[in-house]
Amino acid sequence: MLLLVGIVSVQFGAAFASTLFGEVGPAGVVLLRLVFASLVLLAFTRPRLAGRSHRDLRAVAGFGLVLACMNWSFYESLHRLPLGPAVTVEFIGPLAVAVAGSRRLLDLLWVALAGGGVALLALGGSHGGLNLAGLLLAALAGALWAGYILLSQRVGSSSAGLDGLALALALGTLVMIPAGVAQGGSALLRPEVLLGGLGVAVLSSLVPYSLELIALRRLAAASFGLLMSLEPAVAALAGVLVLDQRLQLRTAVAIVMVVVASAGTTIDASRPATRRAARPDGPAPPRPDSQATLLG
């Protein structure tokens, strides 16, 4: 239940974020979200740069850059696409990481099913149903999500607790300042916009991260991954309820294809481990908004 609440929170947070695009633009919303999230984590962890190797600092810098660009490209896609299709295309990134290097024939089936779902969305975009630039930006966000997963493992293994994440968020905030100020301007300082940015940070980062932190102590990795597979479907529901976005049959079928592929990958990967005692070995796939990868 905690994990499901976290999933709902992060997707409804994304829906709420899109309502601010008209005020400060996608880059402005990303900047506000990173500012509030980094301030909370910096105050909580109080990380130090002293004693870190140059290699660790480079990893943190790369992590922060990827984190900022990933969220920016996703919000730019969300500015052009309904929430459900945007999350569905972005979800291909972690799904690709989950099956990378596998030689099992069944994994190829899941990849083909997920690829077919994305192709179905793209086909609709080429005929005016969905914005093609939005689809490409969502695909870029998915690729950056894959890079995020790999970098977060590197940073998480070399940093104590959430120190590395706090530093990466602070750097990501600095990276987003030029674009965020260019799009948002003086509107970024309006009280209602600041309050909205705080709400996005709470819904999309702080609440889901806190709930997942608790849930991962009670869930096996397979259960976590299976529930996370519901993300695109929950995103589509948030788009309908919050943004009044109409869900076409083609889009619904594509989302179901990706959800089934992700669930199938998780179930298949967990089969050799079902005889072991259930424990939170680490989520698959992790969500960039909650930084769940750092818990492993």
C-alpha atoms as a PDB file:
ATOM      1  CA  MET A   1       0.000   0.000   0.000  1.00  0.00           C
ATOM      2  CA  LEU A   2       2.847   2.403   0.789  1.00  0.00           C
ATOM      3  CA  LEU A   3       4.427   1.751  -2.599  1.00  0.00           C
ATOM      4  CA  LEU A   4       1.142   2.196  -4.434  1.00  0.00           C
ATOM      5  CA  VAL A   5       0.596   5.517  -2.660  1.00  0.00           C
ATOM      6  CA  GLY A   6       4.112   6.542  -3.703  1.00  0.00           C
ATOM      7  CA  ILE A   7       3.411   5.633  -7.338  1.00  0.00           C
ATOM      8  CA  VAL A   8       0.178   7.613  -7.291  1.00  0.00           C
ATOM      9  CA  SER A   9       1.961  10.555  -5.646  1.00  0.00           C
ATOM     10  CA  VAL A  10       4.752  10.778  -8.214  1.00  0.00           C
ATOM     11  CA  GLN A  11       2.409  10.554 -11.206  1.00  0.00           C
ATOM     12  CA  PHE A  12      -0.123  13.021  -9.855  1.00  0.00           C
ATOM     13  CA  GLY A  13       2.848  15.234  -9.001  1.00  0.00           C
ATOM     14  CA  ALA A  14       3.856  15.123 -12.666  1.00  0.00           C
ATOM     15  CA  ALA A  15       0.294  16.015 -13.648  1.00  0.00           C
ATOM     16  CA  PHE A  16       0.353  18.947 -11.235  1.00  0.00           C
ATOM     17  CA  ALA A  17       3.756  20.029 -12.580  1.00  0.00           C
ATOM     18  CA  SER A  18       2.332  20.326 -16.089  1.00  0.00           C
ATOM     19  CA  THR A  19      -0.207  22.867 -14.846  1.00  0.00           C
ATOM     20  CA  LEU A  20       2.710  25.193 -14.002  1.00  0.00           C
ATOM     21  CA  PHE A  21       4.255  25.070 -17.475  1.00  0.00           C
ATOM     22  CA  GLY A  22       2.195  28.047 -18.603  1.00  0.00           C
ATOM     23  CA  GLU A  23       3.651  30.122 -15.773  1.00  0.00           C
ATOM     24  CA  VAL A  24       7.379  29.278 -15.773  1.00  0.00           C
ATOM     25  CA  GLY A  25       7.881  26.666 -18.514  1.00  0.00           C
ATOM     26  CA  PRO A  26       9.117  23.084 -18.078  1.00  0.00           C
ATOM     27  CA  ALA A  27      12.666  24.218 -17.237  1.00  0.00           C
ATOM     28  CA  GLY A  28      11.351  26.581 -14.582  1.00  0.00           C
ATOM     29  CA  VAL A  29       9.354  23.801 -12.940  1.00  0.00           C
ATOM     30  CA  VAL A  30      12.392  21.496 -12.962  1.00  0.00           C
ATOM     31  CA  LEU A  31      14.488  24.247 -11.378  1.00  0.00           C
ATOM     32  CA  LEU A  32      11.974  24.818  -8.583  1.00  0.00           C
ATOM     33  CA  ARG A  33      11.626  21.109  -7.947  1.00  0.00           C
ATOM     34  CA  LEU A  34      15.395  20.606  -7.750  1.00  0.00           C
ATOM     35  CA  VAL A  35      15.851  23.657  -5.532  1.00  0.00           C
ATOM     36  CA  PHE A  36      13.386  22.465  -2.910  1.00  0.00           C
ATOM     37  CA  ALA A  37      14.458  18.805  -3.076  1.00  0.00           C
ATOM     38  CA  SER A  38      18.158  19.673  -2.806  1.00  0.00           C
ATOM     39  CA  LEU A  39      17.593  22.090   0.102  1.00  0.00           C
ATOM     40  CA  VAL A  40      15.770  19.405   2.069  1.00  0.00           C
ATOM     41  CA  LEU A  41      18.401  16.734   1.398  1.00  0.00           C
ATOM     42  CA  LEU A  42      21.345  19.068   2.017  1.00  0.00           C
ATOM     43  CA  ALA A  43      19.870  20.077   5.353  1.00  0.00           C
ATOM     44  CA  PHE A  44      19.200  16.458   6.219  1.00  0.00           C
ATOM     45  CA  THR A  45      22.527  14.910   5.154  1.00  0.00           C
ATOM     46  CA  ARG A  46      25.012  17.820   5.415  1.00  0.00           C
ATOM     47  CA  PRO A  47      27.421  16.197   2.932  1.00  0.00           C
ATOM     48  CA  ARG A  48      31.113  17.059   2.755  1.00  0.00           C
ATOM     49  CA  LEU A  49      33.351  17.309  -0.291  1.00  0.00           C
ATOM     50  CA  ALA A  50      36.526  16.740   1.746  1.00  0.00           C
ATOM     51  CA  GLY A  51      37.908  13.239   1.558  1.00  0.00           C
ATOM     52  CA  ARG A  52      36.244  12.336  -1.733  1.00  0.00           C
ATOM     53  CA  SER A  53      38.428  11.107  -4.577  1.00  0.00           C
ATOM     54  CA  HIS A  54      38.443  12.835  -7.961  1.00  0.00           C
ATOM     55  CA  ARG A  55      36.775   9.748  -9.412  1.00  0.00           C
ATOM     56  CA  ASP A  56      33.934   9.944  -6.898  1.00  0.00           C
ATOM     57  CA  LEU A  57      33.484  13.663  -7.555  1.00  0.00           C
ATOM     58  CA  ARG A  58      33.335  13.056 -11.300  1.00  0.00           C
ATOM     59  CA  ALA A  59      30.687  10.393 -10.734  1.00  0.00           C
ATOM     60  CA  VAL A  60      28.629  12.791  -8.597  1.00  0.00           C
ATOM     61  CA  ALA A  61      28.999  15.522 -11.223  1.00  0.00           C
ATOM     62  CA  GLY A  62      27.880  13.191 -13.995  1.00  0.00           C
ATOM     63  CA  PHE A  63      25.001  11.992 -11.843  1.00  0.00           C
ATOM     64  CA  GLY A  64      23.804  15.536 -11.212  1.00  0.00           C
ATOM     65  CA  LEU A  65      24.066  16.462 -14.898  1.00  0.00           C
ATOM     66  CA  VAL A  66      22.127  13.388 -16.014  1.00  0.00           C
ATOM     67  CA  LEU A  67      19.514  13.914 -13.300  1.00  0.00           C
ATOM     68  CA  ALA A  68      18.868  17.509 -14.358  1.00  0.00           C
ATOM     69  CA  CYS A  69      18.758  16.738 -18.093  1.00  0.00           C
ATOM     70  CA  MET A  70      16.552  13.690 -17.543  1.00  0.00           C
ATOM     71  CA  ASN A  71      13.904  15.648 -15.661  1.00  0.00           C
ATOM     72  CA  TRP A  72      14.120  18.572 -18.069  1.00  0.00           C
ATOM     73  CA  SER A  73      13.664  16.408 -21.168  1.00  0.00           C
ATOM     74  CA  PHE A  74      10.778  14.555 -19.503  1.00  0.00           C
ATOM     75  CA  TYR A  75       8.983  17.770 -18.548  1.00  0.00           C
ATOM     76  CA  GLU A  76       9.538  19.138 -22.052  1.00  0.00           C
ATOM     77  CA  SER A  77       7.942  15.971 -23.444  1.00  0.00           C
ATOM     78  CA  LEU A  78       5.117  16.342 -20.930  1.00  0.00           C
ATOM     79  CA  HIS A  79       4.574  19.857 -22.258  1.00  0.00           C
ATOM     80  CA  ARG A  80       3.822  18.294 -25.670  1.00  0.00           C
ATOM     81  CA  LEU A  81       2.302  14.911 -24.803  1.00  0.00           C
ATOM     82  CA  PRO A  82      -0.395  13.523 -22.531  1.00  0.00           C
ATOM     83  CA  LEU A  83       1.041  12.152 -19.296  1.00  0.00           C
ATOM     84  CA  GLY A  84       0.345   8.469 -20.022  1.00  0.00           C
ATOM     85  CA  PRO A  85       2.208   8.251 -23.364  1.00  0.00           C
ATOM     86  CA  ALA A  86       5.111  10.360 -22.044  1.00  0.00           C
ATOM     87  CA  VAL A  87       5.708   8.038 -19.083  1.00  0.00           C
ATOM     88  CA  THR A  88       5.210   4.965 -21.283  1.00  0.00           C
ATOM     89  CA  VAL A  89       7.932   5.975 -23.734  1.00  0.00           C
ATOM     90  CA  GLU A  90      10.259   7.075 -20.923  1.00  0.00           C
ATOM     91  CA  PHE A  91       9.774   3.715 -19.203  1.00  0.00           C
ATOM     92  CA  ILE A  92      11.630   1.974 -22.031  1.00  0.00           C
ATOM     93  CA  GLY A  93      14.916   3.246 -20.552  1.00  0.00           C
ATOM     94  CA  PRO A  94      14.858   1.250 -17.300  1.00  0.00           C
ATOM     95  CA  LEU A  95      13.235  -1.666 -19.097  1.00  0.00           C
ATOM     96  CA  ALA A  96      16.201  -1.781 -21.489  1.00  0.00           C
ATOM     97  CA  VAL A  97      18.607  -1.794 -18.544  1.00  0.00           C
ATOM     98  CA  ALA A  98      16.649  -4.651 -16.952  1.00  0.00           C
ATOM     99  CA  VAL A  99      17.100  -6.916 -19.990  1.00  0.00           C
ATOM    100  CA  ALA A 100      20.529  -5.680 -21.138  1.00  0.00           C
ATOM    101  CA  GLY A 101      23.013  -8.468 -21.538  1.00  0.00           C
ATOM    102  CA  SER A 102      20.395 -11.199 -21.295  1.00  0.00           C
ATOM    103  CA  ARG A 103      20.552 -14.054 -23.761  1.00  0.00           C
ATOM    104  CA  ARG A 104      17.196 -15.577 -22.894  1.00  0.00           C
ATOM    105  CA  LEU A 105      14.704 -15.844 -25.706  1.00  0.00           C
ATOM    106  CA  LEU A 106      11.840 -14.811 -23.454  1.00  0.00           C
ATOM    107  CA  ASP A 107      13.506 -11.473 -22.753  1.00  0.00           C
ATOM    108  CA  LEU A 108      13.532 -10.770 -26.480  1.00  0.00           C
ATOM    109  CA  LEU A 109       9.769 -11.321 -26.440  1.00  0.00           C
ATOM    110  CA  TRP A 110       9.337  -8.708 -23.710  1.00  0.00           C
ATOM    111  CA  VAL A 111      11.555  -6.266 -25.593  1.00  0.00           C
ATOM    112  CA  ALA A 112       9.540  -6.820 -28.777  1.00  0.00           C
ATOM    113  CA  LEU A 113       6.273  -6.282 -26.901  1.00  0.00           C
ATOM    114  CA  ALA A 114       7.509  -3.044 -25.302  1.00  0.00           C
ATOM    115  CA  GLY A 115       8.991  -1.858 -28.596  1.00  0.00           C
ATOM    116  CA  GLY A 116       5.693  -2.582 -30.315  1.00  0.00           C
ATOM    117  CA  GLY A 117       3.871  -0.454 -27.758  1.00  0.00           C
ATOM    118  CA  VAL A 118       6.222   2.481 -28.308  1.00  0.00           C
ATOM    119  CA  ALA A 119       5.991   2.017 -32.087  1.00  0.00           C
ATOM    120  CA  LEU A 120       2.206   2.140 -31.778  1.00  0.00           C
ATOM    121  CA  LEU A 121       2.471   5.458 -29.987  1.00  0.00           C
ATOM    122  CA  ALA A 122       4.925   6.782 -32.573  1.00  0.00           C
ATOM    123  CA  LEU A 123       2.643   5.676 -35.395  1.00  0.00           C
ATOM    124  CA  GLY A 124      -0.155   7.661 -33.836  1.00  0.00           C
ATOM    125  CA  GLY A 125       2.194  10.648 -33.575  1.00  0.00           C
ATOM    126  CA  SER A 126       3.101  10.498 -37.258  1.00  0.00           C
ATOM    127  CA  HIS A 127      -0.575  10.788 -38.123  1.00  0.00           C
ATOM    128  CA  GLY A 128      -1.216  13.781 -35.907  1.00  0.00           C
ATOM    129  CA  GLY A 129      -2.367  11.889 -32.824  1.00  0.00           C
ATOM    130  CA  LEU A 130       0.720  12.623 -30.734  1.00  0.00           C
ATOM    131  CA  ASN A 131       3.451  15.216 -31.004  1.00  0.00           C
ATOM    132  CA  LEU A 132       6.538  13.653 -32.590  1.00  0.00           C
ATOM    133  CA  ALA A 133       8.943  16.045 -30.844  1.00  0.00           C
ATOM    134  CA  GLY A 134       7.315  15.095 -27.550  1.00  0.00           C
ATOM    135  CA  LEU A 135       7.856  11.397 -28.288  1.00  0.00           C
ATOM    136  CA  LEU A 136      11.528  12.011 -29.093  1.00  0.00           C
ATOM    137  CA  LEU A 137      11.999  14.014 -25.891  1.00  0.00           C
ATOM    138  CA  ALA A 138      10.368  11.222 -23.873  1.00  0.00           C
ATOM    139  CA  ALA A 139      12.719   8.722 -25.540  1.00  0.00           C
ATOM    140  CA  LEU A 140      15.664  10.970 -24.614  1.00  0.00           C
ATOM    141  CA  ALA A 141      14.412  11.063 -21.036  1.00  0.00           C
ATOM    142  CA  GLY A 142      14.243   7.256 -21.084  1.00  0.00           C
ATOM    143  CA  ALA A 143      17.830   7.000 -22.337  1.00  0.00           C
ATOM    144  CA  LEU A 144      18.943   9.404 -19.608  1.00  0.00           C
ATOM    145  CA  TRP A 145      16.972   7.344 -17.086  1.00  0.00           C
ATOM    146  CA  ALA A 146      19.037   4.315 -18.115  1.00  0.00           C
ATOM    147  CA  GLY A 147      22.215   6.326 -17.591  1.00  0.00           C
ATOM    148  CA  TYR A 148      20.842   7.545 -14.277  1.00  0.00           C
ATOM    149  CA  ILE A 149      20.425   3.961 -13.082  1.00  0.00           C
ATOM    150  CA  LEU A 150      24.019   3.083 -13.865  1.00  0.00           C
ATOM    151  CA  LEU A 151      25.426   6.278 -12.348  1.00  0.00           C
ATOM    152  CA  SER A 152      23.279   6.032  -9.234  1.00  0.00           C
ATOM    153  CA  GLN A 153      24.717   2.596  -8.531  1.00  0.00           C
ATOM    154  CA  ARG A 154      28.223   4.060  -8.797  1.00  0.00           C
ATOM    155  CA  VAL A 155      27.423   7.064  -6.576  1.00  0.00           C
ATOM    156  CA  GLY A 156      25.423   4.993  -4.096  1.00  0.00           C
ATOM    157  CA  SER A 157      28.290   2.544  -3.605  1.00  0.00           C
ATOM    158  CA  SER A 158      30.843   5.302  -2.945  1.00  0.00           C
ATOM    159  CA  SER A 159      28.783   7.608  -0.726  1.00  0.00           C
ATOM    160  CA  ALA A 160      27.436   7.193   2.762  1.00  0.00           C
ATOM    161  CA  GLY A 161      23.665   7.319   2.971  1.00  0.00           C
ATOM    162  CA  LEU A 162      22.215  10.003   0.707  1.00  0.00           C
ATOM    163  CA  ASP A 163      25.263  12.290   0.651  1.00  0.00           C
ATOM    164  CA  GLY A 164      26.001  11.632  -3.020  1.00  0.00           C
ATOM    165  CA  LEU A 165      22.397  12.228  -4.003  1.00  0.00           C
ATOM    166  CA  ALA A 166      22.279  15.523  -2.094  1.00  0.00           C
ATOM    167  CA  LEU A 167      25.416  16.765  -3.860  1.00  0.00           C
ATOM    168  CA  ALA A 168      24.092  15.604  -7.238  1.00  0.00           C
ATOM    169  CA  LEU A 169      20.789  17.430  -6.684  1.00  0.00           C
ATOM    170  CA  ALA A 170      22.667  20.599  -5.743  1.00  0.00           C
ATOM    171  CA  LEU A 171      24.752  20.372  -8.907  1.00  0.00           C
ATOM    172  CA  GLY A 172      21.661  19.621 -10.970  1.00  0.00           C
ATOM    173  CA  THR A 173      20.083  22.765  -9.560  1.00  0.00           C
ATOM    174  CA  LEU A 174      23.067  24.832 -10.725  1.00  0.00           C
ATOM    175  CA  VAL A 175      22.869  23.237 -14.178  1.00  0.00           C
ATOM    176  CA  MET A 176      19.185  24.165 -14.495  1.00  0.00           C
ATOM    177  CA  ILE A 177      19.522  27.799 -13.393  1.00  0.00           C
ATOM    178  CA  PRO A 178      20.194  29.291 -16.888  1.00  0.00           C
ATOM    179  CA  ALA A 179      17.358  27.446 -18.638  1.00  0.00           C
ATOM    180  CA  GLY A 180      15.007  27.761 -15.680  1.00  0.00           C
ATOM    181  CA  VAL A 181      15.507  31.514 -15.354  1.00  0.00           C
ATOM    182  CA  ALA A 182      15.285  31.982 -19.122  1.00  0.00           C
ATOM    183  CA  GLN A 183      11.896  30.262 -19.253  1.00  0.00           C
ATOM    184  CA  GLY A 184      10.492  31.321 -15.902  1.00  0.00           C
ATOM    185  CA  GLY A 185      11.925  34.804 -15.419  1.00  0.00           C
ATOM    186  CA  SER A 186      10.529  36.849 -12.556  1.00  0.00           C
ATOM    187  CA  ALA A 187       7.505  34.521 -12.349  1.00  0.00           C
ATOM    188  CA  LEU A 188       9.728  32.071 -10.481  1.00  0.00           C
ATOM    189  CA  LEU A 189       9.606  34.389  -7.469  1.00  0.00           C
ATOM    190  CA  ARG A 190       5.829  34.705  -7.316  1.00  0.00           C
ATOM    191  CA  PRO A 191       4.514  33.176  -4.054  1.00  0.00           C
ATOM    192  CA  GLU A 192       1.928  30.995  -5.781  1.00  0.00           C
ATOM    193  CA  VAL A 193       4.536  29.637  -8.202  1.00  0.00           C
ATOM    194  CA  LEU A 194       6.983  28.938  -5.384  1.00  0.00           C
ATOM    195  CA  LEU A 195       4.229  27.149  -3.502  1.00  0.00           C
ATOM    196  CA  GLY A 196       3.429  25.136  -6.614  1.00  0.00           C
ATOM    197  CA  GLY A 197       7.092  24.206  -7.061  1.00  0.00           C
ATOM    198  CA  LEU A 198       7.228  23.070  -3.448  1.00  0.00           C
ATOM    199  CA  GLY A 199       4.138  20.958  -4.047  1.00  0.00           C
ATOM    200  CA  VAL A 200       5.768  19.310  -7.079  1.00  0.00           C
ATOM    201  CA  ALA A 201       8.920  18.566  -5.062  1.00  0.00           C
ATOM    202  CA  VAL A 202       6.859  17.046  -2.247  1.00  0.00           C
ATOM    203  CA  LEU A 203       4.606  14.953  -4.490  1.00  0.00           C
ATOM    204  CA  SER A 204       7.235  13.856  -7.003  1.00  0.00           C
ATOM    205  CA  SER A 205      10.285  13.416  -4.774  1.00  0.00           C
ATOM    206  CA  LEU A 206       9.906  13.638  -1.011  1.00  0.00           C
ATOM    207  CA  VAL A 207       6.686  11.669  -0.466  1.00  0.00           C
ATOM    208  CA  PRO A 208       7.414   8.760  -2.855  1.00  0.00           C
ATOM    209  CA  TYR A 209      11.014   8.488  -1.674  1.00  0.00           C
ATOM    210  CA  SER A 210       9.982   8.334   1.982  1.00  0.00           C
ATOM    211  CA  LEU A 211       7.272   5.757   1.317  1.00  0.00           C
ATOM    212  CA  GLU A 212       9.543   3.591  -0.831  1.00  0.00           C
ATOM    213  CA  LEU A 213      12.236   3.734   1.843  1.00  0.00           C
ATOM    214  CA  ILE A 214       9.773   2.130   4.257  1.00  0.00           C
ATOM    215  CA  ALA A 215       8.218  -0.234   1.701  1.00  0.00           C
ATOM    216  CA  LEU A 216      11.573  -1.638   0.558  1.00  0.00           C
ATOM    217  CA  ARG A 217      12.172  -2.971   4.071  1.00  0.00           C
ATOM    218  CA  ARG A 218       9.137  -5.215   3.651  1.00  0.00           C
ATOM    219  CA  LEU A 219       9.110  -6.053  -0.067  1.00  0.00           C
ATOM    220  CA  ALA A 220      11.214  -8.362  -2.197  1.00  0.00           C
ATOM    221  CA  ALA A 221      12.784  -6.821  -5.291  1.00  0.00           C
ATOM    222  CA  ALA A 222      10.410  -8.794  -7.530  1.00  0.00           C
ATOM    223  CA  SER A 223       7.346  -7.369  -5.776  1.00  0.00           C
ATOM    224  CA  PHE A 224       8.777  -3.864  -6.008  1.00  0.00           C
ATOM    225  CA  GLY A 225       9.502  -4.195  -9.725  1.00  0.00           C
ATOM    226  CA  LEU A 226       6.087  -5.681 -10.433  1.00  0.00           C
ATOM    227  CA  LEU A 227       4.279  -2.818  -8.730  1.00  0.00           C
ATOM    228  CA  MET A 228       6.505  -0.257 -10.437  1.00  0.00           C
ATOM    229  CA  SER A 229       5.352  -1.703 -13.747  1.00  0.00           C
ATOM    230  CA  LEU A 230       2.023   0.003 -13.098  1.00  0.00           C
ATOM    231  CA  GLU A 231       3.609   3.458 -13.514  1.00  0.00           C
ATOM    232  CA  PRO A 232       2.484   4.103 -17.128  1.00  0.00           C
ATOM    233  CA  ALA A 233      -1.083   3.038 -16.329  1.00  0.00           C
ATOM    234  CA  VAL A 234      -1.229   5.243 -13.226  1.00  0.00           C
ATOM    235  CA  ALA A 235       0.222   8.116 -15.263  1.00  0.00           C
ATOM    236  CA  ALA A 236      -2.539   7.730 -17.836  1.00  0.00           C
ATOM    237  CA  LEU A 237      -5.137   7.755 -15.050  1.00  0.00           C
ATOM    238  CA  ALA A 238      -3.614  10.913 -13.536  1.00  0.00           C
ATOM    239  CA  GLY A 239      -3.743  12.584 -16.951  1.00  0.00           C
ATOM    240  CA  VAL A 240      -7.433  11.770 -17.280  1.00  0.00           C
ATOM    241  CA  LEU A 241      -8.417  12.840 -13.763  1.00  0.00           C
ATOM    242  CA  VAL A 242      -6.214  15.901 -13.238  1.00  0.00           C
ATOM    243  CA  LEU A 243      -5.639  17.234 -16.749  1.00  0.00           C
ATOM    244  CA  ASP A 244      -8.820  15.996 -18.450  1.00  0.00           C
ATOM    245  CA  GLN A 245      -6.714  14.251 -21.112  1.00  0.00           C
ATOM    246  CA  ARG A 246      -8.625  11.893 -23.371  1.00  0.00           C
ATOM    247  CA  LEU A 247      -7.209   8.386 -23.655  1.00  0.00           C
ATOM    248  CA  GLN A 248      -7.563   6.987 -27.163  1.00  0.00           C
ATOM    249  CA  LEU A 249      -7.821   3.251 -27.799  1.00  0.00           C
ATOM    250  CA  ARG A 250      -4.474   3.132 -29.621  1.00  0.00           C
ATOM    251  CA  THR A 251      -2.752   4.849 -26.698  1.00  0.00           C
ATOM    252  CA  ALA A 252      -4.417   2.572 -24.142  1.00  0.00           C
ATOM    253  CA  VAL A 253      -3.306  -0.550 -26.034  1.00  0.00           C
ATOM    254  CA  ALA A 254       0.274   0.768 -26.282  1.00  0.00           C
ATOM    255  CA  ILE A 255       0.392   1.487 -22.544  1.00  0.00           C
ATOM    256  CA  VAL A 256      -0.907  -2.003 -21.732  1.00  0.00           C
ATOM    257  CA  MET A 257       1.762  -3.545 -23.979  1.00  0.00           C
ATOM    258  CA  VAL A 258       4.573  -1.745 -22.135  1.00  0.00           C
ATOM    259  CA  VAL A 259       3.086  -2.526 -18.701  1.00  0.00           C
ATOM    260  CA  VAL A 260       2.797  -6.230 -19.571  1.00  0.00           C
ATOM    261  CA  ALA A 261       6.365  -6.275 -20.944  1.00  0.00           C
ATOM    262  CA  SER A 262       7.730  -4.657 -17.784  1.00  0.00           C
ATOM    263  CA  ALA A 263       5.749  -6.980 -15.513  1.00  0.00           C
ATOM    264  CA  GLY A 264       6.822 -10.000 -17.547  1.00  0.00           C
ATOM    265  CA  THR A 265      10.469  -9.009 -17.329  1.00  0.00           C
ATOM    266  CA  THR A 266      10.217  -8.607 -13.557  1.00  0.00           C
ATOM    267  CA  ILE A 267       8.426 -11.931 -13.009  1.00  0.00           C
ATOM    268  CA  ASP A 268      10.788 -13.824 -15.292  1.00  0.00           C
ATOM    269  CA  ALA A 269      13.892 -12.330 -13.667  1.00  0.00           C
ATOM    270  CA  SER A 270      12.627 -13.153 -10.175  1.00  0.00           C
ATOM    271  CA  ARG A 271      11.940 -16.852 -10.776  1.00  0.00           C
ATOM    272  CA  PRO A 272      15.420 -18.121  -9.805  1.00  0.00           C
ATOM    273  CA  ALA A 273      15.186 -16.102  -6.600  1.00  0.00           C
ATOM    274  CA  THR A 274      11.723 -17.210  -5.480  1.00  0.00           C
ATOM    275  CA  ARG A 275      13.163 -20.029  -3.392  1.00  0.00           C
ATOM    276  CA  ARG A 276      15.260 -17.567  -1.393  1.00  0.00           C
ATOM    277  CA  ALA A 277      13.920 -15.611   1.547  1.00  0.00           C
ATOM    278  CA  ALA A 278      12.183 -12.450   0.398  1.00  0.00           C
ATOM    279  CA  ARG A 279      14.207  -9.358   1.153  1.00  0.00           C
ATOM    280  CA  PRO A 280      14.670  -5.935  -0.501  1.00  0.00           C
ATOM    281  CA  ASP A 281      17.706  -6.698  -2.673  1.00  0.00           C
ATOM    282  CA  GLY A 282      17.078  -3.532  -4.614  1.00  0.00           C
ATOM    283  CA  PRO A 283      14.304  -2.195  -6.832  1.00  0.00           C
ATOM    284  CA  ALA A 284      13.991  -2.906 -10.523  1.00  0.00           C
ATOM    285  CA  PRO A 285      13.422  -0.687 -12.278  1.00  0.00           C
ATOM    286  CA  PRO A 286      14.201   2.307 -10.030  1.00  0.00           C
ATOM    287  CA  ARG A 287      12.440   5.594 -10.380  1.00  0.00           C
ATOM    288  CA  PRO A 288      14.441   8.752 -11.002  1.00  0.00           C
ATOM    289  CA  ASP A 289      12.064  10.847  -9.023  1.00  0.00           C
ATOM    290  CA  SER A 290      12.619   8.899  -5.809  1.00  0.00           C
ATOM    291  CA  GLN A 291      16.236   7.843  -6.236  1.00  0.00           C
ATOM    292  CA  ALA A 292      15.299   4.344  -5.058  1.00  0.00           C
ATOM    293  CA  THR A 293      18.404   2.876  -6.649  1.00  0.00           C
ATOM    294  CA  LEU A 294      20.551   4.304  -3.892  1.00  0.00           C
ATOM    295  CA  LEU A 295      18.926   2.022  -1.355  1.00  0.00           C
ATOM    296  CA  GLY A 296      20.632  -1.130  -2.665  1.00  0.00           C
END
